[in-house]
Amino acid sequence: MQFIHISDLRPNITDKWKITVMVSRAWTSYNPKTNRVFSYDIIVSDDQGGSIHAYIPANLIHVFKNVFKEGRVYRIHNHVPFNLLSDRAHVDKYLTDVIGNLQEWGYVDNQSQFKLNDCDVRNIVLSDECGQKFRVSLWGKVATRLSDADIKSYGNERIVLIITSCKIRRFKGAPSVVTTVGSHVYVNLALPIDACNIYIK
């Protein structure tokens, strides 16, 4: 995968690019009358003079705001919206990381007809910033790495999951995410402020 410039980016073609940019401006957009926060906005620029505006929706600000700082340089890799993940179904030459808001937390199924090698499976549902929902099947040890009590301990707090090294499959005609033996699940991950390589998948 080659580094490209901002001027080379095109809408809906986001799974094969890698850019190096500097955050030249960052601010929080909000309604001054109600103090309601809409988004965390940034302007990034590259070494060719190109620039682009990006934003982090309000429900994900707590995950990313401390990552992007004015004057810092970042490498940003691969972003695929949920509605484009179907293009990756059964294409296993690379694995996919997903991030989303937890909407449904299923039980561990020990008797699934789809069970392989006596593995447990837990089905959950995530949603992206647009509210689009996506089914995720947690297999094997990943299914039990987080217990029901762990999830309940967050109470009414928003739960953002990052699930790494997944495959995309189809279930009842719709694309779904399936974990692998190399998958990890992170809950409300506190990303380090000094991170300089941002992988958005």
N, C-alpha and C. Protein backbone atom coordinates (compact mmCIF):
# COMPACT_ATOMS: atom_id res chain seq x y z
N MET A 1 0.84 -1.19 0.00
CA MET A 1 0.00 0.00 0.00
C MET A 1 0.89 1.25 0.00
N GLN A 2 0.70 2.11 -0.97
CA GLN A 2 1.51 3.30 -1.14
C GLN A 2 0.86 4.51 -0.46
N PHE A 3 1.71 5.43 0.03
CA PHE A 3 1.17 6.69 0.54
C PHE A 3 0.68 7.53 -0.63
N ILE A 4 -0.47 8.17 -0.44
CA ILE A 4 -0.99 9.06 -1.46
C ILE A 4 -1.21 10.42 -0.83
N HIS A 5 -1.63 11.38 -1.66
CA HIS A 5 -1.87 12.73 -1.17
C HIS A 5 -3.36 13.00 -1.06
N ILE A 6 -3.69 14.04 -0.33
CA ILE A 6 -5.10 14.40 -0.12
C ILE A 6 -5.81 14.59 -1.45
N SER A 7 -5.12 15.18 -2.42
CA SER A 7 -5.76 15.44 -3.72
C SER A 7 -6.12 14.16 -4.46
N ASP A 8 -5.56 13.01 -4.05
CA ASP A 8 -5.85 11.73 -4.70
C ASP A 8 -7.05 11.02 -4.09
N LEU A 9 -7.54 11.49 -2.96
CA LEU A 9 -8.67 10.82 -2.30
C LEU A 9 -9.94 10.99 -3.11
N ARG A 10 -10.76 9.94 -3.10
CA ARG A 10 -12.04 9.97 -3.81
C ARG A 10 -13.13 9.41 -2.90
N PRO A 11 -14.37 9.90 -3.01
CA PRO A 11 -15.46 9.38 -2.18
C PRO A 11 -15.68 7.89 -2.41
N ASN A 12 -15.98 7.17 -1.31
CA ASN A 12 -16.34 5.76 -1.34
C ASN A 12 -15.23 4.84 -1.82
N ILE A 13 -14.01 5.37 -1.95
CA ILE A 13 -12.86 4.52 -2.27
C ILE A 13 -11.86 4.74 -1.16
N THR A 14 -12.07 4.05 -0.04
CA THR A 14 -11.31 4.36 1.15
C THR A 14 -10.57 3.17 1.74
N ASP A 15 -10.58 2.02 1.05
CA ASP A 15 -9.96 0.84 1.65
C ASP A 15 -8.56 0.56 1.12
N LYS A 16 -8.01 1.45 0.29
CA LYS A 16 -6.69 1.18 -0.27
C LYS A 16 -5.76 2.38 -0.19
N TRP A 17 -6.03 3.28 0.77
CA TRP A 17 -5.19 4.46 0.84
C TRP A 17 -4.49 4.59 2.19
N LYS A 18 -3.41 5.34 2.17
CA LYS A 18 -2.63 5.62 3.37
C LYS A 18 -2.04 7.01 3.17
N ILE A 19 -2.31 7.94 4.08
CA ILE A 19 -1.84 9.31 3.92
C ILE A 19 -1.08 9.75 5.17
N THR A 20 -0.16 10.70 4.97
CA THR A 20 0.54 11.35 6.07
C THR A 20 0.13 12.81 6.08
N VAL A 21 -0.44 13.26 7.19
CA VAL A 21 -0.98 14.61 7.26
C VAL A 21 -0.64 15.26 8.59
N MET A 22 -0.71 16.60 8.60
CA MET A 22 -0.54 17.35 9.83
C MET A 22 -1.87 18.00 10.19
N VAL A 23 -2.23 17.95 11.47
CA VAL A 23 -3.43 18.63 11.92
C VAL A 23 -3.10 20.11 12.07
N SER A 24 -3.64 20.92 11.17
CA SER A 24 -3.34 22.35 11.18
C SER A 24 -4.33 23.15 12.02
N ARG A 25 -5.51 22.59 12.26
CA ARG A 25 -6.52 23.29 13.06
C ARG A 25 -7.45 22.25 13.67
N ALA A 26 -7.84 22.46 14.92
CA ALA A 26 -8.77 21.56 15.60
C ALA A 26 -9.69 22.37 16.51
N TRP A 27 -10.97 22.05 16.51
CA TRP A 27 -11.92 22.78 17.35
C TRP A 27 -13.15 21.93 17.61
N THR A 28 -13.92 22.33 18.61
CA THR A 28 -15.17 21.66 18.95
C THR A 28 -16.33 22.49 18.44
N SER A 29 -17.22 21.90 17.65
CA SER A 29 -18.40 22.59 17.14
C SER A 29 -19.58 22.34 18.09
N TYR A 30 -20.24 23.43 18.50
CA TYR A 30 -21.35 23.29 19.43
C TYR A 30 -22.35 24.42 19.24
N ASN A 31 -23.54 24.24 19.78
CA ASN A 31 -24.57 25.26 19.74
C ASN A 31 -24.35 26.21 20.92
N PRO A 32 -24.01 27.47 20.68
CA PRO A 32 -23.70 28.40 21.78
C PRO A 32 -24.89 28.68 22.68
N LYS A 33 -26.10 28.45 22.18
CA LYS A 33 -27.28 28.72 23.00
C LYS A 33 -27.56 27.59 23.99
N THR A 34 -27.27 26.37 23.58
CA THR A 34 -27.58 25.22 24.43
C THR A 34 -26.33 24.50 24.93
N ASN A 35 -25.16 24.87 24.36
CA ASN A 35 -23.90 24.19 24.67
C ASN A 35 -23.88 22.73 24.21
N ARG A 36 -24.82 22.36 23.36
CA ARG A 36 -24.82 21.01 22.82
C ARG A 36 -23.68 20.84 21.83
N VAL A 37 -22.85 19.82 22.06
CA VAL A 37 -21.70 19.56 21.20
C VAL A 37 -22.13 18.74 19.99
N PHE A 38 -21.73 19.20 18.81
CA PHE A 38 -22.06 18.49 17.57
C PHE A 38 -20.93 17.56 17.12
N SER A 39 -19.70 18.06 17.18
CA SER A 39 -18.57 17.28 16.66
C SER A 39 -17.25 17.91 17.08
N TYR A 40 -16.19 17.13 16.90
CA TYR A 40 -14.83 17.63 17.06
C TYR A 40 -14.25 17.70 15.65
N ASP A 41 -13.91 18.89 15.18
CA ASP A 41 -13.51 19.10 13.79
C ASP A 41 -12.02 19.34 13.67
N ILE A 42 -11.45 18.85 12.57
CA ILE A 42 -10.04 19.08 12.30
C ILE A 42 -9.83 19.43 10.83
N ILE A 43 -8.82 20.23 10.57
CA ILE A 43 -8.33 20.47 9.22
C ILE A 43 -6.95 19.84 9.14
N VAL A 44 -6.76 18.94 8.17
CA VAL A 44 -5.45 18.31 7.99
C VAL A 44 -4.87 18.73 6.65
N SER A 45 -3.55 18.79 6.57
CA SER A 45 -2.88 19.17 5.33
C SER A 45 -1.68 18.26 5.12
N ASP A 46 -1.26 18.16 3.84
CA ASP A 46 -0.10 17.32 3.53
C ASP A 46 1.04 18.14 2.95
N ASP A 47 2.12 17.46 2.57
CA ASP A 47 3.32 18.16 2.11
C ASP A 47 3.18 18.72 0.71
N GLN A 48 2.04 18.46 0.04
CA GLN A 48 1.78 19.02 -1.28
C GLN A 48 0.86 20.23 -1.21
N GLY A 49 0.52 20.65 -0.01
CA GLY A 49 -0.35 21.81 0.15
C GLY A 49 -1.83 21.50 0.14
N GLY A 50 -2.18 20.21 0.00
CA GLY A 50 -3.58 19.83 0.03
C GLY A 50 -4.13 19.88 1.45
N SER A 51 -5.40 20.12 1.57
CA SER A 51 -6.03 20.14 2.89
C SER A 51 -7.46 19.59 2.78
N ILE A 52 -7.97 19.12 3.90
CA ILE A 52 -9.31 18.56 3.93
C ILE A 52 -9.87 18.70 5.34
N HIS A 53 -11.18 18.86 5.40
CA HIS A 53 -11.87 18.95 6.69
C HIS A 53 -12.40 17.58 7.07
N ALA A 54 -12.20 17.20 8.32
CA ALA A 54 -12.74 15.94 8.84
C ALA A 54 -13.38 16.22 10.19
N TYR A 55 -14.28 15.34 10.61
CA TYR A 55 -14.90 15.56 11.92
C TYR A 55 -15.15 14.23 12.62
N ILE A 56 -15.18 14.32 13.94
CA ILE A 56 -15.50 13.18 14.79
C ILE A 56 -16.86 13.45 15.40
N PRO A 57 -17.86 12.60 15.18
CA PRO A 57 -19.21 12.85 15.73
C PRO A 57 -19.19 12.87 17.25
N ALA A 58 -20.17 13.53 17.81
CA ALA A 58 -20.21 13.75 19.26
C ALA A 58 -20.09 12.47 20.06
N ASN A 59 -20.71 11.39 19.56
CA ASN A 59 -20.72 10.15 20.35
C ASN A 59 -19.38 9.42 20.35
N LEU A 60 -18.41 9.90 19.57
CA LEU A 60 -17.08 9.27 19.56
C LEU A 60 -15.97 10.23 19.97
N ILE A 61 -16.33 11.43 20.38
CA ILE A 61 -15.32 12.42 20.76
C ILE A 61 -14.45 11.90 21.89
N HIS A 62 -15.05 11.25 22.86
CA HIS A 62 -14.29 10.79 24.03
C HIS A 62 -13.24 9.74 23.65
N VAL A 63 -13.40 9.11 22.50
CA VAL A 63 -12.45 8.09 22.06
C VAL A 63 -11.26 8.73 21.32
N PHE A 64 -11.55 9.76 20.48
CA PHE A 64 -10.52 10.27 19.58
C PHE A 64 -10.01 11.68 19.86
N LYS A 65 -10.72 12.47 20.66
CA LYS A 65 -10.35 13.88 20.80
C LYS A 65 -8.91 14.07 21.26
N ASN A 66 -8.47 13.28 22.21
CA ASN A 66 -7.12 13.44 22.74
C ASN A 66 -6.04 12.86 21.83
N VAL A 67 -6.46 12.23 20.74
CA VAL A 67 -5.48 11.68 19.80
C VAL A 67 -5.01 12.76 18.83
N PHE A 68 -5.95 13.55 18.30
CA PHE A 68 -5.62 14.53 17.27
C PHE A 68 -5.31 15.89 17.90
N LYS A 69 -4.07 16.35 17.75
CA LYS A 69 -3.62 17.60 18.32
C LYS A 69 -3.06 18.50 17.22
N GLU A 70 -3.31 19.79 17.34
CA GLU A 70 -2.79 20.74 16.35
C GLU A 70 -1.26 20.68 16.30
N GLY A 71 -0.74 20.71 15.06
CA GLY A 71 0.70 20.73 14.85
C GLY A 71 1.36 19.38 14.82
N ARG A 72 0.60 18.32 15.06
CA ARG A 72 1.18 16.98 15.05
C ARG A 72 0.94 16.30 13.71
N VAL A 73 1.83 15.35 13.37
CA VAL A 73 1.77 14.63 12.10
C VAL A 73 1.28 13.21 12.35
N TYR A 74 0.37 12.74 11.49
CA TYR A 74 -0.22 11.42 11.65
C TYR A 74 -0.19 10.66 10.33
N ARG A 75 -0.08 9.35 10.45
CA ARG A 75 -0.32 8.48 9.30
C ARG A 75 -1.69 7.86 9.52
N ILE A 76 -2.57 8.04 8.55
CA ILE A 76 -3.94 7.55 8.66
C ILE A 76 -4.16 6.48 7.59
N HIS A 77 -4.65 5.33 8.02
CA HIS A 77 -4.81 4.19 7.14
C HIS A 77 -6.25 3.73 7.08
N ASN A 78 -6.70 3.36 5.92
CA ASN A 78 -7.92 2.57 5.67
C ASN A 78 -9.14 2.88 6.52
N HIS A 79 -10.11 3.46 5.90
CA HIS A 79 -11.41 3.62 6.55
C HIS A 79 -12.47 3.02 5.65
N VAL A 80 -13.27 2.12 6.19
CA VAL A 80 -14.36 1.50 5.43
C VAL A 80 -15.65 1.64 6.21
N PRO A 81 -16.61 2.45 5.75
CA PRO A 81 -17.90 2.56 6.45
C PRO A 81 -18.61 1.22 6.50
N PHE A 82 -19.49 1.03 7.49
CA PHE A 82 -20.22 -0.22 7.63
C PHE A 82 -20.92 -0.61 6.34
N ASN A 83 -21.49 0.38 5.63
CA ASN A 83 -22.29 0.03 4.45
C ASN A 83 -21.43 -0.43 3.27
N LEU A 84 -20.11 -0.37 3.41
CA LEU A 84 -19.24 -0.86 2.34
C LEU A 84 -18.56 -2.16 2.71
N LEU A 85 -18.78 -2.65 3.94
CA LEU A 85 -18.10 -3.86 4.36
C LEU A 85 -18.55 -5.08 3.57
N SER A 86 -19.74 -5.02 2.96
CA SER A 86 -20.21 -6.17 2.17
C SER A 86 -19.26 -6.48 1.02
N ASP A 87 -18.50 -5.48 0.57
CA ASP A 87 -17.54 -5.71 -0.51
C ASP A 87 -16.41 -6.62 -0.06
N ARG A 88 -16.24 -6.76 1.26
CA ARG A 88 -15.16 -7.60 1.78
C ARG A 88 -15.63 -9.01 2.15
N ALA A 89 -16.90 -9.30 1.94
CA ALA A 89 -17.43 -10.61 2.32
C ALA A 89 -16.68 -11.74 1.62
N HIS A 90 -16.16 -12.68 2.41
CA HIS A 90 -15.45 -13.86 1.92
C HIS A 90 -14.15 -13.51 1.18
N VAL A 91 -13.66 -12.30 1.36
CA VAL A 91 -12.35 -11.92 0.81
C VAL A 91 -11.38 -11.91 1.99
N ASP A 92 -10.61 -12.98 2.14
CA ASP A 92 -9.81 -13.17 3.35
C ASP A 92 -8.33 -12.86 3.16
N LYS A 93 -7.99 -12.11 2.12
CA LYS A 93 -6.58 -11.79 1.94
C LYS A 93 -6.11 -10.76 2.95
N TYR A 94 -7.07 -10.06 3.59
CA TYR A 94 -6.74 -9.19 4.71
C TYR A 94 -7.87 -9.24 5.72
N LEU A 95 -7.54 -8.95 6.97
CA LEU A 95 -8.54 -8.93 8.03
C LEU A 95 -9.01 -7.51 8.27
N THR A 96 -10.14 -7.38 8.94
CA THR A 96 -10.79 -6.08 9.13
C THR A 96 -10.96 -5.79 10.61
N ASP A 97 -10.63 -4.57 11.01
CA ASP A 97 -10.92 -4.08 12.36
C ASP A 97 -12.19 -3.25 12.29
N VAL A 98 -13.05 -3.37 13.29
CA VAL A 98 -14.28 -2.60 13.31
C VAL A 98 -14.40 -1.84 14.63
N ILE A 99 -15.06 -0.68 14.57
CA ILE A 99 -15.33 0.11 15.76
C ILE A 99 -16.78 0.56 15.69
N GLY A 100 -17.48 0.49 16.81
CA GLY A 100 -18.87 0.90 16.81
C GLY A 100 -19.45 0.95 18.21
N ASN A 101 -20.63 1.53 18.31
CA ASN A 101 -21.35 1.60 19.58
C ASN A 101 -22.10 0.30 19.82
N LEU A 102 -21.97 -0.25 21.02
CA LEU A 102 -22.66 -1.49 21.33
C LEU A 102 -24.15 -1.24 21.47
N GLN A 103 -24.96 -1.96 20.69
CA GLN A 103 -26.41 -1.84 20.72
C GLN A 103 -27.08 -3.05 21.34
N GLU A 104 -26.55 -4.24 21.07
CA GLU A 104 -27.13 -5.46 21.62
C GLU A 104 -26.00 -6.40 22.06
N TRP A 105 -26.15 -6.96 23.25
CA TRP A 105 -25.16 -7.89 23.81
C TRP A 105 -25.84 -9.23 24.02
N GLY A 106 -25.55 -10.21 23.17
CA GLY A 106 -26.22 -11.50 23.24
C GLY A 106 -25.61 -12.42 24.28
N TYR A 107 -26.25 -13.56 24.48
CA TYR A 107 -25.76 -14.56 25.43
C TYR A 107 -24.77 -15.49 24.74
N VAL A 108 -23.99 -16.22 25.54
CA VAL A 108 -23.07 -17.21 24.99
C VAL A 108 -23.86 -18.46 24.62
N ASP A 109 -23.78 -18.86 23.38
CA ASP A 109 -24.51 -20.03 22.88
C ASP A 109 -23.58 -21.23 22.88
N ASN A 110 -23.91 -22.21 23.73
CA ASN A 110 -23.11 -23.43 23.80
C ASN A 110 -23.68 -24.55 22.93
N GLN A 111 -24.83 -24.31 22.31
CA GLN A 111 -25.51 -25.35 21.55
C GLN A 111 -25.79 -24.92 20.11
N SER A 112 -25.02 -23.95 19.59
CA SER A 112 -25.30 -23.43 18.26
C SER A 112 -25.10 -24.50 17.19
N GLN A 113 -26.01 -24.53 16.24
CA GLN A 113 -25.88 -25.46 15.12
C GLN A 113 -24.71 -25.10 14.23
N PHE A 114 -24.20 -23.86 14.39
CA PHE A 114 -23.07 -23.42 13.59
C PHE A 114 -21.75 -23.61 14.33
N LYS A 115 -21.80 -24.22 15.52
CA LYS A 115 -20.62 -24.33 16.37
C LYS A 115 -19.54 -25.17 15.69
N LEU A 116 -18.31 -24.68 15.72
CA LEU A 116 -17.19 -25.38 15.13
C LEU A 116 -16.19 -25.74 16.22
N ASN A 117 -15.73 -27.00 16.23
CA ASN A 117 -14.73 -27.44 17.19
C ASN A 117 -15.12 -27.11 18.63
N ASP A 118 -16.41 -27.27 18.94
CA ASP A 118 -16.91 -27.04 20.30
C ASP A 118 -16.61 -25.63 20.80
N CYS A 119 -16.67 -24.66 19.93
CA CYS A 119 -16.43 -23.26 20.31
C CYS A 119 -17.73 -22.60 20.73
N ASP A 120 -17.63 -21.71 21.72
CA ASP A 120 -18.77 -20.88 22.09
C ASP A 120 -18.93 -19.76 21.07
N VAL A 121 -20.13 -19.20 21.00
CA VAL A 121 -20.35 -18.07 20.12
C VAL A 121 -21.30 -17.10 20.82
N ARG A 122 -21.01 -15.80 20.68
CA ARG A 122 -21.87 -14.76 21.22
C ARG A 122 -22.13 -13.76 20.09
N ASN A 123 -23.41 -13.50 19.80
CA ASN A 123 -23.77 -12.54 18.76
C ASN A 123 -24.11 -11.20 19.38
N ILE A 124 -23.50 -10.14 18.85
CA ILE A 124 -23.76 -8.79 19.33
C ILE A 124 -24.08 -7.90 18.13
N VAL A 125 -24.53 -6.69 18.40
CA VAL A 125 -24.84 -5.74 17.34
C VAL A 125 -24.15 -4.42 17.66
N LEU A 126 -23.43 -3.88 16.68
CA LEU A 126 -22.80 -2.57 16.79
C LEU A 126 -23.50 -1.60 15.85
N SER A 127 -23.31 -0.30 16.09
CA SER A 127 -23.81 0.71 15.17
C SER A 127 -22.72 1.74 14.94
N ASP A 128 -22.72 2.36 13.75
CA ASP A 128 -21.75 3.41 13.47
C ASP A 128 -22.34 4.77 13.80
N GLU A 129 -21.60 5.86 13.44
CA GLU A 129 -22.05 7.19 13.81
C GLU A 129 -23.33 7.61 13.09
N CYS A 130 -23.66 6.89 12.01
CA CYS A 130 -24.91 7.18 11.28
C CYS A 130 -26.08 6.35 11.77
N GLY A 131 -25.82 5.48 12.75
CA GLY A 131 -26.88 4.64 13.29
C GLY A 131 -27.07 3.33 12.56
N GLN A 132 -26.25 3.07 11.54
CA GLN A 132 -26.38 1.81 10.81
C GLN A 132 -25.87 0.66 11.67
N LYS A 133 -26.67 -0.40 11.80
CA LYS A 133 -26.34 -1.51 12.67
C LYS A 133 -25.66 -2.64 11.90
N PHE A 134 -24.82 -3.39 12.64
CA PHE A 134 -24.05 -4.46 12.03
C PHE A 134 -23.90 -5.60 13.03
N ARG A 135 -24.15 -6.82 12.57
CA ARG A 135 -24.04 -8.01 13.41
C ARG A 135 -22.59 -8.46 13.52
N VAL A 136 -22.16 -8.83 14.72
CA VAL A 136 -20.82 -9.35 14.96
C VAL A 136 -20.94 -10.66 15.74
N SER A 137 -20.28 -11.71 15.25
CA SER A 137 -20.25 -12.99 15.96
C SER A 137 -18.88 -13.17 16.61
N LEU A 138 -18.91 -13.24 17.95
CA LEU A 138 -17.68 -13.46 18.72
C LEU A 138 -17.53 -14.94 18.96
N TRP A 139 -16.42 -15.52 18.46
CA TRP A 139 -16.24 -16.97 18.53
C TRP A 139 -15.15 -17.35 19.53
N GLY A 140 -15.30 -18.55 20.08
CA GLY A 140 -14.27 -19.11 20.95
C GLY A 140 -14.01 -18.28 22.19
N LYS A 141 -12.74 -18.09 22.51
CA LYS A 141 -12.35 -17.36 23.72
C LYS A 141 -12.80 -15.90 23.66
N VAL A 142 -12.94 -15.36 22.45
CA VAL A 142 -13.38 -13.97 22.32
C VAL A 142 -14.81 -13.82 22.85
N ALA A 143 -15.62 -14.87 22.72
CA ALA A 143 -17.01 -14.82 23.16
C ALA A 143 -17.14 -14.67 24.66
N THR A 144 -16.16 -15.19 25.40
CA THR A 144 -16.25 -15.16 26.87
C THR A 144 -15.24 -14.22 27.51
N ARG A 145 -14.47 -13.52 26.69
CA ARG A 145 -13.45 -12.62 27.25
C ARG A 145 -14.10 -11.50 28.05
N LEU A 146 -15.27 -11.05 27.61
CA LEU A 146 -16.05 -10.08 28.37
C LEU A 146 -17.32 -10.77 28.86
N SER A 147 -17.58 -10.68 30.14
CA SER A 147 -18.75 -11.33 30.71
C SER A 147 -19.95 -10.38 30.70
N ASP A 148 -21.12 -10.92 30.98
CA ASP A 148 -22.31 -10.10 31.11
C ASP A 148 -22.12 -9.05 32.21
N ALA A 149 -21.46 -9.47 33.29
CA ALA A 149 -21.21 -8.55 34.41
C ALA A 149 -20.30 -7.40 34.00
N ASP A 150 -19.32 -7.70 33.14
CA ASP A 150 -18.41 -6.65 32.66
C ASP A 150 -19.20 -5.57 31.92
N ILE A 151 -20.10 -6.00 31.05
CA ILE A 151 -20.89 -5.06 30.26
C ILE A 151 -21.85 -4.28 31.15
N LYS A 152 -22.50 -4.98 32.09
CA LYS A 152 -23.44 -4.32 32.98
C LYS A 152 -22.76 -3.30 33.88
N SER A 153 -21.46 -3.48 34.14
CA SER A 153 -20.74 -2.57 35.03
C SER A 153 -20.63 -1.16 34.45
N TYR A 154 -20.85 -1.02 33.13
CA TYR A 154 -20.79 0.31 32.51
C TYR A 154 -22.10 1.08 32.70
N GLY A 155 -23.12 0.42 33.20
CA GLY A 155 -24.39 1.09 33.47
C GLY A 155 -24.95 1.75 32.23
N ASN A 156 -25.27 3.04 32.35
CA ASN A 156 -25.83 3.79 31.23
C ASN A 156 -24.76 4.45 30.37
N GLU A 157 -23.49 4.21 30.69
CA GLU A 157 -22.40 4.80 29.91
C GLU A 157 -22.36 4.20 28.50
N ARG A 158 -22.07 5.05 27.53
CA ARG A 158 -21.95 4.56 26.16
C ARG A 158 -20.78 3.59 26.06
N ILE A 159 -20.98 2.47 25.38
CA ILE A 159 -19.94 1.46 25.24
C ILE A 159 -19.49 1.42 23.78
N VAL A 160 -18.23 1.75 23.56
CA VAL A 160 -17.64 1.71 22.22
C VAL A 160 -16.67 0.53 22.17
N LEU A 161 -16.92 -0.39 21.24
CA LEU A 161 -16.06 -1.56 21.08
C LEU A 161 -15.18 -1.42 19.85
N ILE A 162 -13.93 -1.83 20.01
CA ILE A 162 -13.02 -2.00 18.88
C ILE A 162 -12.70 -3.48 18.82
N ILE A 163 -12.98 -4.11 17.69
CA ILE A 163 -12.75 -5.54 17.52
C ILE A 163 -11.79 -5.73 16.36
N THR A 164 -10.66 -6.36 16.61
CA THR A 164 -9.60 -6.46 15.61
C THR A 164 -9.59 -7.81 14.91
N SER A 165 -8.93 -7.83 13.75
CA SER A 165 -8.63 -9.07 13.01
C SER A 165 -9.86 -9.93 12.73
N CYS A 166 -10.86 -9.32 12.11
CA CYS A 166 -12.12 -10.02 11.81
C CYS A 166 -12.21 -10.38 10.33
N LYS A 167 -13.10 -11.32 10.03
CA LYS A 167 -13.46 -11.65 8.66
C LYS A 167 -14.90 -11.20 8.42
N ILE A 168 -15.20 -10.91 7.16
CA ILE A 168 -16.55 -10.50 6.78
C ILE A 168 -17.24 -11.68 6.09
N ARG A 169 -18.40 -12.04 6.59
CA ARG A 169 -19.18 -13.13 6.03
C ARG A 169 -20.60 -12.64 5.73
N ARG A 170 -21.42 -13.52 5.24
CA ARG A 170 -22.84 -13.20 5.02
C ARG A 170 -23.70 -14.12 5.88
N PHE A 171 -24.70 -13.54 6.52
CA PHE A 171 -25.62 -14.29 7.36
C PHE A 171 -27.04 -13.90 6.96
N LYS A 172 -27.79 -14.87 6.47
CA LYS A 172 -29.15 -14.63 5.99
C LYS A 172 -29.18 -13.51 4.95
N GLY A 173 -28.17 -13.50 4.06
CA GLY A 173 -28.11 -12.53 2.97
C GLY A 173 -27.48 -11.20 3.31
N ALA A 174 -27.23 -10.95 4.59
CA ALA A 174 -26.65 -9.67 5.01
C ALA A 174 -25.21 -9.88 5.47
N PRO A 175 -24.33 -8.91 5.22
CA PRO A 175 -22.94 -9.06 5.68
C PRO A 175 -22.86 -8.99 7.20
N SER A 176 -21.94 -9.74 7.76
CA SER A 176 -21.73 -9.72 9.20
C SER A 176 -20.24 -9.89 9.48
N VAL A 177 -19.83 -9.52 10.68
CA VAL A 177 -18.44 -9.61 11.10
C VAL A 177 -18.26 -10.87 11.93
N VAL A 178 -17.17 -11.61 11.67
CA VAL A 178 -16.87 -12.83 12.41
C VAL A 178 -15.45 -12.72 12.95
N THR A 179 -15.26 -12.98 14.24
CA THR A 179 -13.93 -12.91 14.81
C THR A 179 -13.09 -14.12 14.41
N THR A 180 -11.78 -13.99 14.59
CA THR A 180 -10.83 -15.08 14.31
C THR A 180 -10.05 -15.36 15.60
N VAL A 181 -9.15 -16.34 15.53
CA VAL A 181 -8.35 -16.68 16.71
C VAL A 181 -7.42 -15.52 17.10
N GLY A 182 -7.17 -14.62 16.15
CA GLY A 182 -6.29 -13.49 16.44
C GLY A 182 -7.02 -12.23 16.87
N SER A 183 -8.35 -12.31 17.02
CA SER A 183 -9.14 -11.12 17.35
C SER A 183 -8.99 -10.73 18.81
N HIS A 184 -9.09 -9.41 19.05
CA HIS A 184 -9.13 -8.86 20.40
C HIS A 184 -10.28 -7.86 20.46
N VAL A 185 -10.86 -7.73 21.65
CA VAL A 185 -11.96 -6.80 21.87
C VAL A 185 -11.52 -5.75 22.89
N TYR A 186 -11.68 -4.48 22.53
CA TYR A 186 -11.32 -3.38 23.43
C TYR A 186 -12.58 -2.57 23.73
N VAL A 187 -12.75 -2.22 25.00
CA VAL A 187 -13.93 -1.49 25.43
C VAL A 187 -13.54 -0.09 25.86
N ASN A 188 -14.20 0.93 25.25
CA ASN A 188 -13.94 2.33 25.59
C ASN A 188 -12.44 2.59 25.75
N LEU A 189 -11.72 2.19 24.72
CA LEU A 189 -10.26 2.25 24.76
C LEU A 189 -9.77 3.68 24.92
N ALA A 190 -8.90 3.90 25.89
CA ALA A 190 -8.27 5.21 26.07
C ALA A 190 -7.04 5.25 25.18
N LEU A 191 -7.16 5.86 24.01
CA LEU A 191 -6.05 5.89 23.07
C LEU A 191 -4.97 6.86 23.55
N PRO A 192 -3.70 6.51 23.40
CA PRO A 192 -2.63 7.37 23.90
C PRO A 192 -2.54 8.68 23.13
N ILE A 193 -2.24 9.77 23.87
CA ILE A 193 -2.15 11.08 23.25
C ILE A 193 -1.00 11.15 22.26
N ASP A 194 0.07 10.39 22.49
CA ASP A 194 1.24 10.49 21.62
C ASP A 194 1.19 9.54 20.44
N ALA A 195 0.01 8.95 20.18
CA ALA A 195 -0.11 8.06 19.02
C ALA A 195 0.11 8.85 17.73
N CYS A 196 0.92 8.30 16.82
CA CYS A 196 1.18 9.00 15.57
C CYS A 196 0.74 8.18 14.36
N ASN A 197 0.36 6.93 14.58
CA ASN A 197 -0.17 6.10 13.50
C ASN A 197 -1.61 5.76 13.82
N ILE A 198 -2.55 6.32 13.05
CA ILE A 198 -3.96 6.12 13.32
C ILE A 198 -4.53 5.17 12.27
N TYR A 199 -5.03 4.00 12.71
CA TYR A 199 -5.62 3.03 11.81
C TYR A 199 -7.12 3.09 11.95
N ILE A 200 -7.81 3.59 10.96
CA ILE A 200 -9.27 3.71 11.00
C ILE A 200 -9.84 2.68 10.07
N LYS A 201 -10.56 1.71 10.61
CA LYS A 201 -11.06 0.62 9.78
C LYS A 201 -12.52 0.37 10.05
